[in-house]
Amino acid sequence: MSMTNIIDFEKYITKQSITEIRVEEIRDKDLNYKPYWYIYCVLKNGKRIEISQSKTKPQCYKQLVIYK
């Protein structure tokens, strides 16, 4: 599994706020329970936008930037 689509975030940020980005581990019985990760974001209106699926566990981190 690889990147399934490319998201134009500017298009969504100007019209709808992204309220969260989620990474879910999926273990599919049809794939002998081998895990893959489903990555998507949720807009303010509740719509989910798929970002990608990955066979390797994504590295997630939080970065805080303060502009003065």
C-alpha atoms as a PDB file:
ATOM      1  CA  MET A   1       0.000   0.000   0.000  1.00  0.00           C
ATOM      2  CA  SER A   2       1.258   3.448  -0.807  1.00  0.00           C
ATOM      3  CA  MET A   3       0.027   7.002  -0.968  1.00  0.00           C
ATOM      4  CA  THR A   4      -3.506   6.773  -2.348  1.00  0.00           C
ATOM      5  CA  ASN A   5      -4.128  10.428  -3.065  1.00  0.00           C
ATOM      6  CA  ILE A   6      -2.576  13.843  -2.625  1.00  0.00           C
ATOM      7  CA  ILE A   7      -4.489  16.325  -0.511  1.00  0.00           C
ATOM      8  CA  ASP A   8      -4.527  20.037  -1.291  1.00  0.00           C
ATOM      9  CA  PHE A   9      -4.587  21.187   2.329  1.00  0.00           C
ATOM     10  CA  GLU A  10      -4.777  24.887   1.383  1.00  0.00           C
ATOM     11  CA  LYS A  11      -8.103  24.201  -0.316  1.00  0.00           C
ATOM     12  CA  TYR A  12      -9.524  22.701   2.881  1.00  0.00           C
ATOM     13  CA  ILE A  13      -7.903  25.071   5.362  1.00  0.00           C
ATOM     14  CA  THR A  14      -9.368  28.151   3.673  1.00  0.00           C
ATOM     15  CA  LYS A  15     -12.910  26.697   3.647  1.00  0.00           C
ATOM     16  CA  GLN A  16     -12.978  24.236   6.564  1.00  0.00           C
ATOM     17  CA  SER A  17     -10.795  23.829   9.613  1.00  0.00           C
ATOM     18  CA  ILE A  18      -8.978  20.538  10.072  1.00  0.00           C
ATOM     19  CA  THR A  19      -9.892  19.559  13.616  1.00  0.00           C
ATOM     20  CA  GLU A  20      -7.754  16.439  13.915  1.00  0.00           C
ATOM     21  CA  ILE A  21      -5.417  14.075  12.127  1.00  0.00           C
ATOM     22  CA  ARG A  22      -5.779  10.393  12.982  1.00  0.00           C
ATOM     23  CA  VAL A  23      -3.628   7.313  12.518  1.00  0.00           C
ATOM     24  CA  GLU A  24      -5.419   3.993  13.024  1.00  0.00           C
ATOM     25  CA  GLU A  25      -3.825   0.567  13.102  1.00  0.00           C
ATOM     26  CA  ILE A  26      -5.904  -1.913  11.098  1.00  0.00           C
ATOM     27  CA  ARG A  27      -5.584  -5.692  11.379  1.00  0.00           C
ATOM     28  CA  ASP A  28      -7.584  -7.223   8.549  1.00  0.00           C
ATOM     29  CA  LYS A  29      -8.643 -10.856   8.893  1.00  0.00           C
ATOM     30  CA  ASP A  30      -8.419 -11.281   5.096  1.00  0.00           C
ATOM     31  CA  LEU A  31      -4.745 -10.203   5.243  1.00  0.00           C
ATOM     32  CA  ASN A  32      -3.903 -12.717   8.006  1.00  0.00           C
ATOM     33  CA  TYR A  33      -4.117  -9.939  10.602  1.00  0.00           C
ATOM     34  CA  LYS A  34      -0.969  -8.225   9.300  1.00  0.00           C
ATOM     35  CA  PRO A  35      -1.266  -4.596  10.410  1.00  0.00           C
ATOM     36  CA  TYR A  36      -1.426  -1.542   8.212  1.00  0.00           C
ATOM     37  CA  TRP A  37      -2.039   2.054   9.206  1.00  0.00           C
ATOM     38  CA  TYR A  38      -4.832   4.234   7.870  1.00  0.00           C
ATOM     39  CA  ILE A  39      -4.099   7.968   8.046  1.00  0.00           C
ATOM     40  CA  TYR A  40      -6.819  10.564   7.629  1.00  0.00           C
ATOM     41  CA  CYS A  41      -7.899  14.005   8.776  1.00  0.00           C
ATOM     42  CA  VAL A  42     -11.258  15.201  10.035  1.00  0.00           C
ATOM     43  CA  LEU A  43     -12.690  18.568   9.013  1.00  0.00           C
ATOM     44  CA  LYS A  44     -14.773  20.859  11.207  1.00  0.00           C
ATOM     45  CA  ASN A  45     -17.915  19.699   9.376  1.00  0.00           C
ATOM     46  CA  GLY A  46     -17.133  16.043  10.258  1.00  0.00           C
ATOM     47  CA  LYS A  47     -15.989  15.004   6.774  1.00  0.00           C
ATOM     48  CA  ARG A  48     -13.078  12.540   6.715  1.00  0.00           C
ATOM     49  CA  ILE A  49     -10.354  12.888   4.106  1.00  0.00           C
ATOM     50  CA  GLU A  50      -8.057   9.916   3.522  1.00  0.00           C
ATOM     51  CA  ILE A  51      -4.409  10.887   3.400  1.00  0.00           C
ATOM     52  CA  SER A  52      -2.763   7.496   2.924  1.00  0.00           C
ATOM     53  CA  GLN A  53      -2.361   3.871   3.979  1.00  0.00           C
ATOM     54  CA  SER A  54       0.986   2.527   5.087  1.00  0.00           C
ATOM     55  CA  LYS A  55       2.490  -0.929   5.667  1.00  0.00           C
ATOM     56  CA  THR A  56       5.019   0.599   8.070  1.00  0.00           C
ATOM     57  CA  LYS A  57       4.063   2.284  11.320  1.00  0.00           C
ATOM     58  CA  PRO A  58       4.184   6.068  10.883  1.00  0.00           C
ATOM     59  CA  GLN A  59       6.377   8.136  13.196  1.00  0.00           C
ATOM     60  CA  CYS A  60       4.224  10.825  14.784  1.00  0.00           C
ATOM     61  CA  TYR A  61       5.413  13.834  16.707  1.00  0.00           C
ATOM     62  CA  LYS A  62       4.100  17.147  17.920  1.00  0.00           C
ATOM     63  CA  GLN A  63       5.945  20.332  17.109  1.00  0.00           C
ATOM     64  CA  LEU A  64       5.098  23.621  18.769  1.00  0.00           C
ATOM     65  CA  VAL A  65       6.122  26.830  17.023  1.00  0.00           C
ATOM     66  CA  ILE A  66       5.639  30.265  18.568  1.00  0.00           C
ATOM     67  CA  TYR A  67       5.904  33.244  16.225  1.00  0.00           C
ATOM     68  CA  LYS A  68       6.682  36.666  17.689  1.00  0.00           C
END
